[in-house]
Amino acid sequence: PSQYPPDQDCVYIIRAPTGYRITLTFLSFELAADIIDCKQDYLQIR
């Protein structure tokens, strides 16, 4: 829960068995970013 360091590029891959779906729920979310275009710090979900 401390502040994240600068210059991070982290990829998380969540895999479930075939036929399953993944539900992702954010409990806490605070990024230092320009809220209009998300060019500084961001989270991308695919």
All heavy atoms as atom14 arrays in JSON, in Angstrom:
{
  "sequence": "PSQYPPDQDCVYIIRAPTGYRITLTFLSFELAADIIDCKQDYLQIR",
  "atom14_mask": [
    [1, 1, 1, 1, 1, 1, 1, 0, 0, 0, 0, 0, 0, 0],
    [1, 1, 1, 1, 1, 1, 0, 0, 0, 0, 0, 0, 0, 0],
    [1, 1, 1, 1, 1, 1, 1, 1, 1, 0, 0, 0, 0, 0],
    [1, 1, 1, 1, 1, 1, 1, 1, 1, 1, 1, 1, 0, 0],
    [1, 1, 1, 1, 1, 1, 1, 0, 0, 0, 0, 0, 0, 0],
    [1, 1, 1, 1, 1, 1, 1, 0, 0, 0, 0, 0, 0, 0],
    [1, 1, 1, 1, 1, 1, 1, 1, 0, 0, 0, 0, 0, 0],
    [1, 1, 1, 1, 1, 1, 1, 1, 1, 0, 0, 0, 0, 0],
    [1, 1, 1, 1, 1, 1, 1, 1, 0, 0, 0, 0, 0, 0],
    [1, 1, 1, 1, 1, 1, 0, 0, 0, 0, 0, 0, 0, 0],
    [1, 1, 1, 1, 1, 1, 1, 0, 0, 0, 0, 0, 0, 0],
    [1, 1, 1, 1, 1, 1, 1, 1, 1, 1, 1, 1, 0, 0],
    [1, 1, 1, 1, 1, 1, 1, 1, 0, 0, 0, 0, 0, 0],
    [1, 1, 1, 1, 1, 1, 1, 1, 0, 0, 0, 0, 0, 0],
    [1, 1, 1, 1, 1, 1, 1, 1, 1, 1, 1, 0, 0, 0],
    [1, 1, 1, 1, 1, 0, 0, 0, 0, 0, 0, 0, 0, 0],
    [1, 1, 1, 1, 1, 1, 1, 0, 0, 0, 0, 0, 0, 0],
    [1, 1, 1, 1, 1, 1, 1, 0, 0, 0, 0, 0, 0, 0],
    [1, 1, 1, 1, 0, 0, 0, 0, 0, 0, 0, 0, 0, 0],
    [1, 1, 1, 1, 1, 1, 1, 1, 1, 1, 1, 1, 0, 0],
    [1, 1, 1, 1, 1, 1, 1, 1, 1, 1, 1, 0, 0, 0],
    [1, 1, 1, 1, 1, 1, 1, 1, 0, 0, 0, 0, 0, 0],
    [1, 1, 1, 1, 1, 1, 1, 0, 0, 0, 0, 0, 0, 0],
    [1, 1, 1, 1, 1, 1, 1, 1, 0, 0, 0, 0, 0, 0],
    [1, 1, 1, 1, 1, 1, 1, 0, 0, 0, 0, 0, 0, 0],
    [1, 1, 1, 1, 1, 1, 1, 1, 1, 1, 1, 0, 0, 0],
    [1, 1, 1, 1, 1, 1, 1, 1, 0, 0, 0, 0, 0, 0],
    [1, 1, 1, 1, 1, 1, 0, 0, 0, 0, 0, 0, 0, 0],
    [1, 1, 1, 1, 1, 1, 1, 1, 1, 1, 1, 0, 0, 0],
    [1, 1, 1, 1, 1, 1, 1, 1, 1, 0, 0, 0, 0, 0],
    [1, 1, 1, 1, 1, 1, 1, 1, 0, 0, 0, 0, 0, 0],
    [1, 1, 1, 1, 1, 0, 0, 0, 0, 0, 0, 0, 0, 0],
    [1, 1, 1, 1, 1, 0, 0, 0, 0, 0, 0, 0, 0, 0],
    [1, 1, 1, 1, 1, 1, 1, 1, 0, 0, 0, 0, 0, 0],
    [1, 1, 1, 1, 1, 1, 1, 1, 0, 0, 0, 0, 0, 0],
    [1, 1, 1, 1, 1, 1, 1, 1, 0, 0, 0, 0, 0, 0],
    [1, 1, 1, 1, 1, 1, 1, 1, 0, 0, 0, 0, 0, 0],
    [1, 1, 1, 1, 1, 1, 0, 0, 0, 0, 0, 0, 0, 0],
    [1, 1, 1, 1, 1, 1, 1, 1, 1, 0, 0, 0, 0, 0],
    [1, 1, 1, 1, 1, 1, 1, 1, 1, 0, 0, 0, 0, 0],
    [1, 1, 1, 1, 1, 1, 1, 1, 0, 0, 0, 0, 0, 0],
    [1, 1, 1, 1, 1, 1, 1, 1, 1, 1, 1, 1, 0, 0],
    [1, 1, 1, 1, 1, 1, 1, 1, 0, 0, 0, 0, 0, 0],
    [1, 1, 1, 1, 1, 1, 1, 1, 1, 0, 0, 0, 0, 0],
    [1, 1, 1, 1, 1, 1, 1, 1, 0, 0, 0, 0, 0, 0],
    [1, 1, 1, 1, 1, 1, 1, 1, 1, 1, 1, 0, 0, 0]
  ],
  "atom14_positions": [
    [[0.79, -1.23, 0.0], [0.0, 0.0, 0.0], [0.83, 1.29, 0.0], [0.27, 2.37, 0.06], [-0.81, -0.11, 1.28], [0.09, -0.84, 2.22], [0.86, -1.82, 1.34], [0.0, 0.0, 0.0], [0.0, 0.0, 0.0], [0.0, 0.0, 0.0], [0.0, 0.0, 0.0], [0.0, 0.0, 0.0], [0.0, 0.0, 0.0], [0.0, 0.0, 0.0]],
    [[2.14, 1.2, -0.09], [2.96, 2.4, -0.23], [2.86, 2.9, -1.66], [2.37, 2.2, -2.55], [4.42, 2.08, 0.09], [4.55, 1.67, 1.43], [0.0, 0.0, 0.0], [0.0, 0.0, 0.0], [0.0, 0.0, 0.0], [0.0, 0.0, 0.0], [0.0, 0.0, 0.0], [0.0, 0.0, 0.0], [0.0, 0.0, 0.0], [0.0, 0.0, 0.0]],
    [[3.35, 4.09, -1.89], [3.32, 4.63, -3.25], [4.19, 3.78, -4.17], [5.24, 3.31, -3.78], [3.82, 6.08, -3.26], [2.87, 7.03, -2.59], [3.24, 8.48, -2.85], [4.34, 8.8, -3.25], [2.28, 9.37, -2.61], [0.0, 0.0, 0.0], [0.0, 0.0, 0.0], [0.0, 0.0, 0.0], [0.0, 0.0, 0.0], [0.0, 0.0, 0.0]],
    [[3.72, 3.59, -5.39], [4.48, 2.83, -6.37], [5.66, 3.67, -6.86], [5.61, 4.89, -6.86], [3.59, 2.4, -7.54], [2.85, 3.52, -8.22], [3.48, 4.31, -9.18], [1.53, 3.8, -7.9], [2.8, 5.34, -9.81], [0.85, 4.83, -8.52], [1.5, 5.61, -9.47], [0.83, 6.63, -10.07], [0.0, 0.0, 0.0], [0.0, 0.0, 0.0]],
    [[6.73, 3.0, -7.28], [7.91, 3.72, -7.77], [7.71, 4.23, -9.19], [6.81, 3.77, -9.9], [9.02, 2.67, -7.72], [8.32, 1.36, -7.73], [6.95, 1.57, -7.16], [0.0, 0.0, 0.0], [0.0, 0.0, 0.0], [0.0, 0.0, 0.0], [0.0, 0.0, 0.0], [0.0, 0.0, 0.0], [0.0, 0.0, 0.0], [0.0, 0.0, 0.0]],
    [[8.55, 5.16, -9.62], [8.46, 5.66, -11.0], [8.98, 4.63, -12.0], [9.65, 3.65, -11.62], [9.36, 6.9, -10.99], [10.33, 6.65, -9.89], [9.58, 5.84, -8.86], [0.0, 0.0, 0.0], [0.0, 0.0, 0.0], [0.0, 0.0, 0.0], [0.0, 0.0, 0.0], [0.0, 0.0, 0.0], [0.0, 0.0, 0.0], [0.0, 0.0, 0.0]],
    [[8.66, 4.85, -13.26], [9.17, 4.05, -14.37], [8.87, 2.56, -14.26], [9.74, 1.72, -14.49], [10.68, 4.27, -14.54], [11.0, 5.71, -14.88], [10.29, 6.3, -15.71], [11.98, 6.25, -14.31], [0.0, 0.0, 0.0], [0.0, 0.0, 0.0], [0.0, 0.0, 0.0], [0.0, 0.0, 0.0], [0.0, 0.0, 0.0], [0.0, 0.0, 0.0]],
    [[7.64, 2.24, -13.93], [7.22, 0.84, -13.85], [6.44, 0.47, -15.11], [5.69, 1.28, -15.66], [6.34, 0.6, -12.62], [7.06, 0.83, -11.31], [8.18, -0.15, -11.09], [7.95, -1.34, -10.91], [9.41, 0.35, -11.11], [0.0, 0.0, 0.0], [0.0, 0.0, 0.0], [0.0, 0.0, 0.0], [0.0, 0.0, 0.0], [0.0, 0.0, 0.0]],
    [[6.62, -0.75, -15.56], [5.87, -1.28, -16.69], [5.59, -2.75, -16.35], [6.43, -3.61, -16.56], [6.66, -1.16, -17.99], [5.8, -1.41, -19.22], [4.61, -1.75, -19.07], [6.33, -1.27, -20.33], [0.0, 0.0, 0.0], [0.0, 0.0, 0.0], [0.0, 0.0, 0.0], [0.0, 0.0, 0.0], [0.0, 0.0, 0.0], [0.0, 0.0, 0.0]],
    [[4.44, -2.99, -15.77], [4.1, -4.3, -15.21], [2.94, -4.92, -15.99], [1.94, -4.26, -16.22], [3.67, -4.16, -13.76], [4.76, -3.17, -12.72], [0.0, 0.0, 0.0], [0.0, 0.0, 0.0], [0.0, 0.0, 0.0], [0.0, 0.0, 0.0], [0.0, 0.0, 0.0], [0.0, 0.0, 0.0], [0.0, 0.0, 0.0], [0.0, 0.0, 0.0]],
    [[3.08, -6.19, -16.34], [2.0, -6.9, -17.02], [1.55, -8.06, -16.13], [2.36, -8.88, -15.71], [2.45, -7.42, -18.41], [1.36, -8.3, -19.02], [2.78, -6.26, -19.32], [0.0, 0.0, 0.0], [0.0, 0.0, 0.0], [0.0, 0.0, 0.0], [0.0, 0.0, 0.0], [0.0, 0.0, 0.0], [0.0, 0.0, 0.0], [0.0, 0.0, 0.0]],
    [[0.26, -8.08, -15.83], [-0.38, -9.12, -15.05], [-1.26, -9.92, -16.0], [-2.07, -9.33, -16.72], [-1.25, -8.52, -13.95], [-0.55, -7.51, -13.06], [-0.34, -6.2, -13.48], [-0.1, -7.87, -11.79], [0.29, -5.27, -12.67], [0.52, -6.95, -10.98], [0.71, -5.65, -11.42], [1.35, -4.74, -10.61], [0.0, 0.0, 0.0], [0.0, 0.0, 0.0]],
    [[-1.13, -11.23, -15.99], [-1.98, -12.08, -16.83], [-2.73, -13.03, -15.91], [-2.11, -13.79, -15.16], [-1.16, -12.86, -17.87], [-0.45, -11.87, -18.8], [-2.07, -13.79, -18.66], [0.52, -12.51, -19.76], [0.0, 0.0, 0.0], [0.0, 0.0, 0.0], [0.0, 0.0, 0.0], [0.0, 0.0, 0.0], [0.0, 0.0, 0.0], [0.0, 0.0, 0.0]],
    [[-4.05, -12.96, -15.97], [-4.89, -13.84, -15.16], [-5.48, -14.88, -16.11], [-6.12, -14.52, -17.11], [-6.0, -13.05, -14.45], [-5.39, -11.95, -13.58], [-6.88, -13.99, -13.63], [-6.41, -10.97, -13.02], [0.0, 0.0, 0.0], [0.0, 0.0, 0.0], [0.0, 0.0, 0.0], [0.0, 0.0, 0.0], [0.0, 0.0, 0.0], [0.0, 0.0, 0.0]],
    [[-5.26, -16.16, -15.8], [-5.75, -17.25, -16.64], [-6.69, -18.14, -15.83], [-6.38, -18.51, -14.71], [-4.59, -18.11, -17.14], [-3.66, -17.42, -18.07], [-2.63, -18.4, -18.65], [-1.51, -17.7, -19.24], [-1.54, -17.14, -20.44], [-2.63, -17.2, -21.16], [-0.47, -16.51, -20.92], [0.0, 0.0, 0.0], [0.0, 0.0, 0.0], [0.0, 0.0, 0.0]],
    [[-7.78, -18.49, -16.45], [-8.75, -19.4, -15.83], [-8.94, -20.58, -16.78], [-8.56, -20.52, -17.95], [-10.07, -18.67, -15.62], [0.0, 0.0, 0.0], [0.0, 0.0, 0.0], [0.0, 0.0, 0.0], [0.0, 0.0, 0.0], [0.0, 0.0, 0.0], [0.0, 0.0, 0.0], [0.0, 0.0, 0.0], [0.0, 0.0, 0.0], [0.0, 0.0, 0.0]],
    [[-9.56, -21.66, -16.3], [-9.83, -22.79, -17.2], [-10.76, -22.38, -18.34], [-11.53, -21.42, -18.24], [-10.52, -23.81, -16.28], [-10.11, -23.43, -14.9], [-9.95, -21.94, -14.92], [0.0, 0.0, 0.0], [0.0, 0.0, 0.0], [0.0, 0.0, 0.0], [0.0, 0.0, 0.0], [0.0, 0.0, 0.0], [0.0, 0.0, 0.0], [0.0, 0.0, 0.0]],
    [[-10.72, -23.12, -19.42], [-11.6, -22.89, -20.57], [-13.06, -22.9, -20.1], [-13.45, -23.74, -19.3], [-11.37, -23.98, -21.63], [-10.0, -23.94, -22.03], [-12.25, -23.76, -22.86], [0.0, 0.0, 0.0], [0.0, 0.0, 0.0], [0.0, 0.0, 0.0], [0.0, 0.0, 0.0], [0.0, 0.0, 0.0], [0.0, 0.0, 0.0], [0.0, 0.0, 0.0]],
    [[-13.83, -21.96, -20.6], [-15.24, -21.85, -20.22], [-15.48, -20.9, -19.06], [-16.63, -20.56, -18.78], [0.0, 0.0, 0.0], [0.0, 0.0, 0.0], [0.0, 0.0, 0.0], [0.0, 0.0, 0.0], [0.0, 0.0, 0.0], [0.0, 0.0, 0.0], [0.0, 0.0, 0.0], [0.0, 0.0, 0.0], [0.0, 0.0, 0.0], [0.0, 0.0, 0.0]],
    [[-14.44, -20.48, -18.37], [-14.58, -19.56, -17.25], [-14.4, -18.12, -17.74], [-13.8, -17.88, -18.77], [-13.53, -19.85, -16.18], [-13.83, -21.03, -15.31], [-13.92, -22.32, -15.83], [-14.01, -20.88, -13.94], [-14.18, -23.41, -15.03], [-14.27, -21.97, -13.12], [-14.36, -23.23, -13.68], [-14.61, -24.3, -12.88], [0.0, 0.0, 0.0], [0.0, 0.0, 0.0]],
    [[-14.92, -17.19, -16.96], [-14.74, -15.76, -17.2], [-14.12, -15.15, -15.95], [-14.31, -15.65, -14.85], [-16.09, -15.07, -17.48], [-16.87, -15.69, -18.62], [-16.2, -15.49, -19.97], [-16.94, -16.17, -21.02], [-16.53, -17.3, -21.58], [-15.42, -17.89, -21.19], [-17.23, -17.87, -22.55], [0.0, 0.0, 0.0], [0.0, 0.0, 0.0], [0.0, 0.0, 0.0]],
    [[-13.4, -14.07, -16.14], [-12.7, -13.42, -15.04], [-13.4, -12.11, -14.7], [-13.7, -11.31, -15.59], [-11.23, -13.15, -15.41], [-10.53, -14.48, -15.67], [-10.52, -12.36, -14.32], [-9.26, -14.36, -16.45], [0.0, 0.0, 0.0], [0.0, 0.0, 0.0], [0.0, 0.0, 0.0], [0.0, 0.0, 0.0], [0.0, 0.0, 0.0], [0.0, 0.0, 0.0]],
    [[-13.67, -11.91, -13.42], [-14.23, -10.66, -12.94], [-13.17, -9.98, -12.09], [-12.66, -10.57, -11.13], [-15.5, -10.9, -12.1], [-16.46, -11.59, -12.9], [-16.09, -9.59, -11.61], [0.0, 0.0, 0.0], [0.0, 0.0, 0.0], [0.0, 0.0, 0.0], [0.0, 0.0, 0.0], [0.0, 0.0, 0.0], [0.0, 0.0, 0.0], [0.0, 0.0, 0.0]],
    [[-12.82, -8.75, -12.45], [-11.79, -7.97, -11.78], [-12.46, -6.79, -11.1], [-13.16, -6.01, -11.76], [-10.76, -7.48, -12.8], [-9.57, -6.71, -12.29], [-8.62, -7.65, -11.54], [-8.82, -6.07, -13.47], [0.0, 0.0, 0.0], [0.0, 0.0, 0.0], [0.0, 0.0, 0.0], [0.0, 0.0, 0.0], [0.0, 0.0, 0.0], [0.0, 0.0, 0.0]],
    [[-12.29, -6.67, -9.78], [-12.92, -5.6, -9.01], [-11.84, -4.81, -8.28], [-11.04, -5.39, -7.54], [-13.91, -6.17, -7.98], [-14.88, -6.96, -8.68], [-14.6, -5.07, -7.21], [0.0, 0.0, 0.0], [0.0, 0.0, 0.0], [0.0, 0.0, 0.0], [0.0, 0.0, 0.0], [0.0, 0.0, 0.0], [0.0, 0.0, 0.0], [0.0, 0.0, 0.0]],
    [[-11.83, -3.5, -8.49], [-10.83, -2.65, -7.84], [-11.32, -2.22, -6.47], [-12.4, -1.66, -6.34], [-10.49, -1.45, -8.73], [-9.6, -1.87, -9.85], [-10.13, -2.39, -11.02], [-8.22, -1.8, -9.72], [-9.32, -2.81, -12.04], [-7.4, -2.23, -10.74], [-7.94, -2.74, -11.9], [0.0, 0.0, 0.0], [0.0, 0.0, 0.0], [0.0, 0.0, 0.0]],
    [[-10.5, -2.49, -5.47], [-10.81, -2.13, -4.1], [-10.2, -0.77, -3.75], [-10.7, -0.06, -2.89], [-10.27, -3.21, -3.15], [-10.7, -4.63, -3.51], [-9.95, -5.65, -2.69], [-12.2, -4.79, -3.35], [0.0, 0.0, 0.0], [0.0, 0.0, 0.0], [0.0, 0.0, 0.0], [0.0, 0.0, 0.0], [0.0, 0.0, 0.0], [0.0, 0.0, 0.0]],
    [[-9.11, -0.45, -4.41], [-8.42, 0.83, -4.21], [-7.78, 1.21, -5.54], [-7.21, 0.36, -6.23], [-7.36, 0.66, -3.13], [-6.57, 1.81, -3.0], [0.0, 0.0, 0.0], [0.0, 0.0, 0.0], [0.0, 0.0, 0.0], [0.0, 0.0, 0.0], [0.0, 0.0, 0.0], [0.0, 0.0, 0.0], [0.0, 0.0, 0.0], [0.0, 0.0, 0.0]],
    [[-7.87, 2.49, -5.9], [-7.3, 2.93, -7.17], [-6.93, 4.4, -7.07], [-7.8, 5.27, -6.97], [-8.33, 2.73, -8.29], [-7.74, 2.86, -9.67], [-7.24, 1.76, -10.32], [-7.69, 4.09, -10.3], [-6.69, 1.87, -11.6], [-7.16, 4.21, -11.58], [-6.66, 3.09, -12.23], [0.0, 0.0, 0.0], [0.0, 0.0, 0.0], [0.0, 0.0, 0.0]],
    [[-5.62, 4.69, -7.06], [-5.14, 6.07, -7.01], [-3.85, 6.17, -7.81], [-2.8, 5.71, -7.37], [-4.88, 6.51, -5.56], [-4.39, 7.92, -5.46], [-3.86, 8.28, -4.08], [-3.99, 7.48, -3.15], [-3.29, 9.37, -3.96], [0.0, 0.0, 0.0], [0.0, 0.0, 0.0], [0.0, 0.0, 0.0], [0.0, 0.0, 0.0], [0.0, 0.0, 0.0]],
    [[-3.94, 6.74, -9.0], [-2.78, 6.92, -9.85], [-2.5, 8.41, -10.03], [-3.42, 9.22, -10.05], [-2.99, 6.28, -11.21], [-3.31, 4.79, -11.25], [-3.36, 4.31, -12.69], [-2.3, 3.99, -10.45], [0.0, 0.0, 0.0], [0.0, 0.0, 0.0], [0.0, 0.0, 0.0], [0.0, 0.0, 0.0], [0.0, 0.0, 0.0], [0.0, 0.0, 0.0]],
    [[-1.23, 8.74, -10.16], [-0.83, 10.13, -10.45], [-0.9, 10.3, -11.95], [-0.03, 9.82, -12.67], [0.59, 10.38, -9.94], [0.0, 0.0, 0.0], [0.0, 0.0, 0.0], [0.0, 0.0, 0.0], [0.0, 0.0, 0.0], [0.0, 0.0, 0.0], [0.0, 0.0, 0.0], [0.0, 0.0, 0.0], [0.0, 0.0, 0.0], [0.0, 0.0, 0.0]],
    [[-1.96, 10.92, -12.41], [-2.16, 10.98, -13.86], [-3.0, 12.17, -14.26], [-3.77, 12.71, -13.47], [-2.83, 9.7, -14.32], [0.0, 0.0, 0.0], [0.0, 0.0, 0.0], [0.0, 0.0, 0.0], [0.0, 0.0, 0.0], [0.0, 0.0, 0.0], [0.0, 0.0, 0.0], [0.0, 0.0, 0.0], [0.0, 0.0, 0.0], [0.0, 0.0, 0.0]],
    [[-2.88, 12.52, -15.51], [-3.76, 13.48, -16.13], [-5.06, 12.74, -16.43], [-5.07, 11.81, -17.25], [-3.12, 14.0, -17.42], [-4.01, 14.99, -18.15], [-5.18, 15.15, -17.77], [-3.5, 15.6, -19.1], [0.0, 0.0, 0.0], [0.0, 0.0, 0.0], [0.0, 0.0, 0.0], [0.0, 0.0, 0.0], [0.0, 0.0, 0.0], [0.0, 0.0, 0.0]],
    [[-6.14, 13.1, -15.77], [-7.37, 12.32, -15.88], [-8.04, 12.42, -17.24], [-8.96, 11.67, -17.54], [-8.39, 12.68, -14.77], [-8.78, 14.15, -14.85], [-7.85, 12.33, -13.41], [-9.9, 14.54, -13.92], [0.0, 0.0, 0.0], [0.0, 0.0, 0.0], [0.0, 0.0, 0.0], [0.0, 0.0, 0.0], [0.0, 0.0, 0.0], [0.0, 0.0, 0.0]],
    [[-7.59, 13.32, -18.09], [-8.23, 13.47, -19.4], [-7.68, 12.48, -20.42], [-8.43, 11.81, -21.12], [-8.1, 14.92, -19.9], [-8.89, 15.82, -18.97], [-8.57, 15.05, -21.34], [-8.75, 17.29, -19.22], [0.0, 0.0, 0.0], [0.0, 0.0, 0.0], [0.0, 0.0, 0.0], [0.0, 0.0, 0.0], [0.0, 0.0, 0.0], [0.0, 0.0, 0.0]],
    [[-6.37, 12.36, -20.52], [-5.83, 11.52, -21.58], [-5.0, 10.32, -21.11], [-4.54, 9.53, -21.93], [-5.02, 12.36, -22.57], [-3.83, 13.04, -21.92], [-3.5, 12.73, -20.76], [-3.23, 13.91, -22.58], [0.0, 0.0, 0.0], [0.0, 0.0, 0.0], [0.0, 0.0, 0.0], [0.0, 0.0, 0.0], [0.0, 0.0, 0.0], [0.0, 0.0, 0.0]],
    [[-4.81, 10.13, -19.82], [-4.11, 8.96, -19.26], [-2.74, 8.72, -19.92], [-2.39, 7.59, -20.24], [-4.97, 7.7, -19.4], [-6.48, 7.73, -18.42], [0.0, 0.0, 0.0], [0.0, 0.0, 0.0], [0.0, 0.0, 0.0], [0.0, 0.0, 0.0], [0.0, 0.0, 0.0], [0.0, 0.0, 0.0], [0.0, 0.0, 0.0], [0.0, 0.0, 0.0]],
    [[-1.96, 9.75, -20.12], [-0.65, 9.58, -20.75], [0.47, 9.4, -19.73], [1.55, 8.98, -20.09], [-0.34, 10.77, -21.65], [-1.29, 10.86, -22.82], [-0.58, 11.26, -24.06], [-1.55, 11.44, -25.18], [-1.66, 10.42, -26.11], [0.0, 0.0, 0.0], [0.0, 0.0, 0.0], [0.0, 0.0, 0.0], [0.0, 0.0, 0.0], [0.0, 0.0, 0.0]],
    [[0.24, 9.73, -18.46], [1.29, 9.58, -17.45], [1.24, 8.16, -16.87], [1.84, 7.26, -17.4], [1.14, 10.64, -16.37], [1.41, 12.04, -16.9], [1.07, 13.11, -15.89], [0.07, 13.03, -15.19], [1.92, 14.12, -15.81], [0.0, 0.0, 0.0], [0.0, 0.0, 0.0], [0.0, 0.0, 0.0], [0.0, 0.0, 0.0], [0.0, 0.0, 0.0]],
    [[0.53, 7.98, -15.79], [0.38, 6.67, -15.16], [-0.99, 6.13, -15.51], [-1.98, 6.86, -15.46], [0.52, 6.78, -13.64], [1.87, 7.36, -13.22], [2.74, 7.57, -14.09], [2.06, 7.6, -12.02], [0.0, 0.0, 0.0], [0.0, 0.0, 0.0], [0.0, 0.0, 0.0], [0.0, 0.0, 0.0], [0.0, 0.0, 0.0], [0.0, 0.0, 0.0]],
    [[-1.06, 4.84, -15.86], [-2.35, 4.29, -16.26], [-2.38, 2.78, -16.07], [-1.35, 2.13, -15.9], [-2.69, 4.64, -17.71], [-1.71, 4.09, -18.73], [-1.85, 2.8, -19.24], [-0.64, 4.86, -19.16], [-0.95, 2.3, -20.16], [0.27, 4.36, -20.09], [0.11, 3.09, -20.58], [1.01, 2.59, -21.49], [0.0, 0.0, 0.0], [0.0, 0.0, 0.0]],
    [[-3.58, 2.24, -16.12], [-3.81, 0.81, -16.08], [-4.62, 0.47, -17.33], [-5.65, 1.07, -17.59], [-4.61, 0.44, -14.83], [-4.63, -1.03, -14.51], [-3.33, -1.41, -13.79], [-5.8, -1.36, -13.63], [0.0, 0.0, 0.0], [0.0, 0.0, 0.0], [0.0, 0.0, 0.0], [0.0, 0.0, 0.0], [0.0, 0.0, 0.0], [0.0, 0.0, 0.0]],
    [[-4.11, -0.48, -18.1], [-4.76, -0.9, -19.34], [-5.25, -2.33, -19.13], [-4.49, -3.18, -18.65], [-3.73, -0.84, -20.47], [-4.25, -1.26, -21.8], [-3.14, -1.16, -22.86], [-1.96, -1.31, -22.57], [-3.55, -0.92, -24.09], [0.0, 0.0, 0.0], [0.0, 0.0, 0.0], [0.0, 0.0, 0.0], [0.0, 0.0, 0.0], [0.0, 0.0, 0.0]],
    [[-6.5, -2.6, -19.49], [-7.08, -3.94, -19.31], [-7.52, -4.46, -20.67], [-8.19, -3.76, -21.44], [-8.29, -3.9, -18.35], [-7.87, -3.29, -17.0], [-8.86, -5.3, -18.15], [-9.01, -3.05, -16.05], [0.0, 0.0, 0.0], [0.0, 0.0, 0.0], [0.0, 0.0, 0.0], [0.0, 0.0, 0.0], [0.0, 0.0, 0.0], [0.0, 0.0, 0.0]],
    [[-7.15, -5.72, -20.96], [-7.51, -6.34, -22.24], [-8.18, -7.69, -22.01], [-7.85, -8.41, -21.08], [-6.28, -6.5, -23.12], [-5.72, -5.14, -23.54], [-4.74, -5.26, -24.67], [-4.34, -3.96, -25.16], [-4.93, -3.32, -26.17], [-5.94, -3.86, -26.81], [-4.49, -2.14, -26.55], [0.0, 0.0, 0.0], [0.0, 0.0, 0.0], [0.0, 0.0, 0.0]]
  ]
}
